[in-house]
Amino acid sequence: MAAKLIRFPEGIMTEEEWVLNHAESVEAYTESWLSFFDRTKFNRMDGPQQVEYEKALKQKAGKPHFRAWKQGHQGFFNISKATYEAAKRKGIKVIQ
């Protein structure tokens, strides 16, 4: 399967090509479960549904996400785990 082409400000290329040519560093991070929280949806639920909703959000937030920072930390792009692993193998700086 051919890699998917994406339109970046630097041109059209694959995600991995962009990271290898334009990224300064890559990072794995987790988000707070509150960033996924929808107050309106939560308020429409009863008690047991609210508990299940919170549990599902906490499980979703526990998964790692990956991003690549542009030169000078001017911005970042979310990337896939495969691209993150490829960048690590190629020696791009990893932020802890």
Protein backbone atom coordinates (compact mmCIF):
# COMPACT_ATOMS: atom_id res chain seq x y z
CA MET A 1 0.00 0.00 0.00
CA ALA A 2 1.36 3.40 -0.96
CA ALA A 3 1.86 6.02 1.74
CA LYS A 4 -0.83 8.70 1.94
CA LEU A 5 0.19 12.12 0.62
CA ILE A 6 -0.62 15.10 2.84
CA ARG A 7 -0.57 18.80 2.02
CA PHE A 8 1.84 20.56 4.39
CA PRO A 9 2.87 24.24 4.23
CA GLU A 10 6.23 22.99 2.92
CA GLY A 11 4.59 21.03 0.10
CA ILE A 12 2.84 17.74 -0.63
CA MET A 13 4.60 14.73 0.87
CA THR A 14 4.04 11.77 3.14
CA GLU A 15 3.91 12.21 6.90
CA GLU A 16 7.22 10.36 7.31
CA GLU A 17 8.95 12.48 4.66
CA TRP A 18 7.82 15.66 6.42
CA VAL A 19 9.09 14.44 9.79
CA LEU A 20 12.46 13.38 8.39
CA ASN A 21 12.97 16.63 6.44
CA HIS A 22 11.31 19.34 8.55
CA ALA A 23 10.82 18.15 12.14
CA GLU A 24 13.18 19.16 14.91
CA SER A 25 11.90 16.63 17.43
CA VAL A 26 9.15 14.10 18.11
CA GLU A 27 7.15 13.54 21.26
CA ALA A 28 4.86 10.93 22.81
CA TYR A 29 2.31 12.40 25.21
CA THR A 30 -0.99 11.63 26.89
CA GLU A 31 -3.90 14.03 27.17
CA SER A 32 -6.00 14.73 30.23
CA TRP A 33 -9.35 12.94 30.15
CA LEU A 34 -10.97 16.34 30.74
CA SER A 35 -9.94 17.47 27.25
CA PHE A 36 -12.41 14.92 25.85
CA PHE A 37 -15.19 15.82 28.30
CA ASP A 38 -18.53 17.07 26.90
CA ARG A 39 -20.52 18.77 29.67
CA THR A 40 -23.81 18.80 27.74
CA LYS A 41 -23.59 15.09 27.00
CA PHE A 42 -22.63 14.36 30.62
CA ASN A 43 -25.53 16.38 32.09
CA ARG A 44 -28.09 14.46 30.02
CA MET A 45 -27.02 11.15 31.58
CA ASP A 46 -28.13 9.55 34.82
CA GLY A 47 -25.67 8.45 37.56
CA PRO A 48 -24.54 5.02 36.25
CA GLN A 49 -24.21 6.36 32.69
CA GLN A 50 -22.03 9.23 33.97
CA VAL A 51 -19.72 6.76 35.72
CA GLU A 52 -19.38 4.71 32.51
CA TYR A 53 -18.79 7.89 30.46
CA GLU A 54 -15.97 9.00 32.77
CA LYS A 55 -14.43 5.52 32.70
CA ALA A 56 -14.47 5.50 28.87
CA LEU A 57 -12.86 8.96 28.72
CA LYS A 58 -10.14 7.98 31.16
CA GLN A 59 -9.38 4.88 29.11
CA LYS A 60 -9.20 6.95 25.91
CA ALA A 61 -6.91 9.51 27.55
CA GLY A 62 -4.51 6.80 28.73
CA LYS A 63 -3.48 5.97 25.16
CA PRO A 64 -0.32 7.71 23.92
CA HIS A 65 -0.53 10.29 21.16
CA PHE A 66 2.39 11.39 19.00
CA ARG A 67 3.45 14.72 17.50
CA ALA A 68 6.38 16.17 15.60
CA TRP A 69 7.63 19.68 16.36
CA LYS A 70 8.70 22.01 13.54
CA GLN A 71 12.10 23.67 13.53
CA GLY A 72 12.34 26.17 16.39
CA HIS A 73 9.19 24.74 18.04
CA GLN A 74 7.03 27.06 15.91
CA GLY A 75 4.25 24.48 15.83
CA PHE A 76 3.58 20.76 15.63
CA PHE A 77 1.73 18.13 13.63
CA ASN A 78 0.09 15.03 15.06
CA ILE A 79 1.70 11.92 13.62
CA SER A 80 1.11 8.18 13.69
CA LYS A 81 2.95 5.74 15.95
CA ALA A 82 4.68 4.21 12.91
CA THR A 83 6.06 7.62 11.89
CA TYR A 84 7.14 8.30 15.48
CA GLU A 85 9.04 4.98 15.59
CA ALA A 86 10.66 5.68 12.19
CA ALA A 87 11.81 9.12 13.39
CA LYS A 88 13.37 7.57 16.50
CA ARG A 89 15.24 5.04 14.33
CA LYS A 90 16.54 7.84 12.07
CA GLY A 91 17.93 9.75 15.07
CA ILE A 92 15.49 12.64 15.36
CA LYS A 93 15.49 14.08 18.87
CA VAL A 94 12.84 12.59 21.19
CA ILE A 95 11.22 14.85 23.81
CA GLN A 96 10.35 13.12 27.06
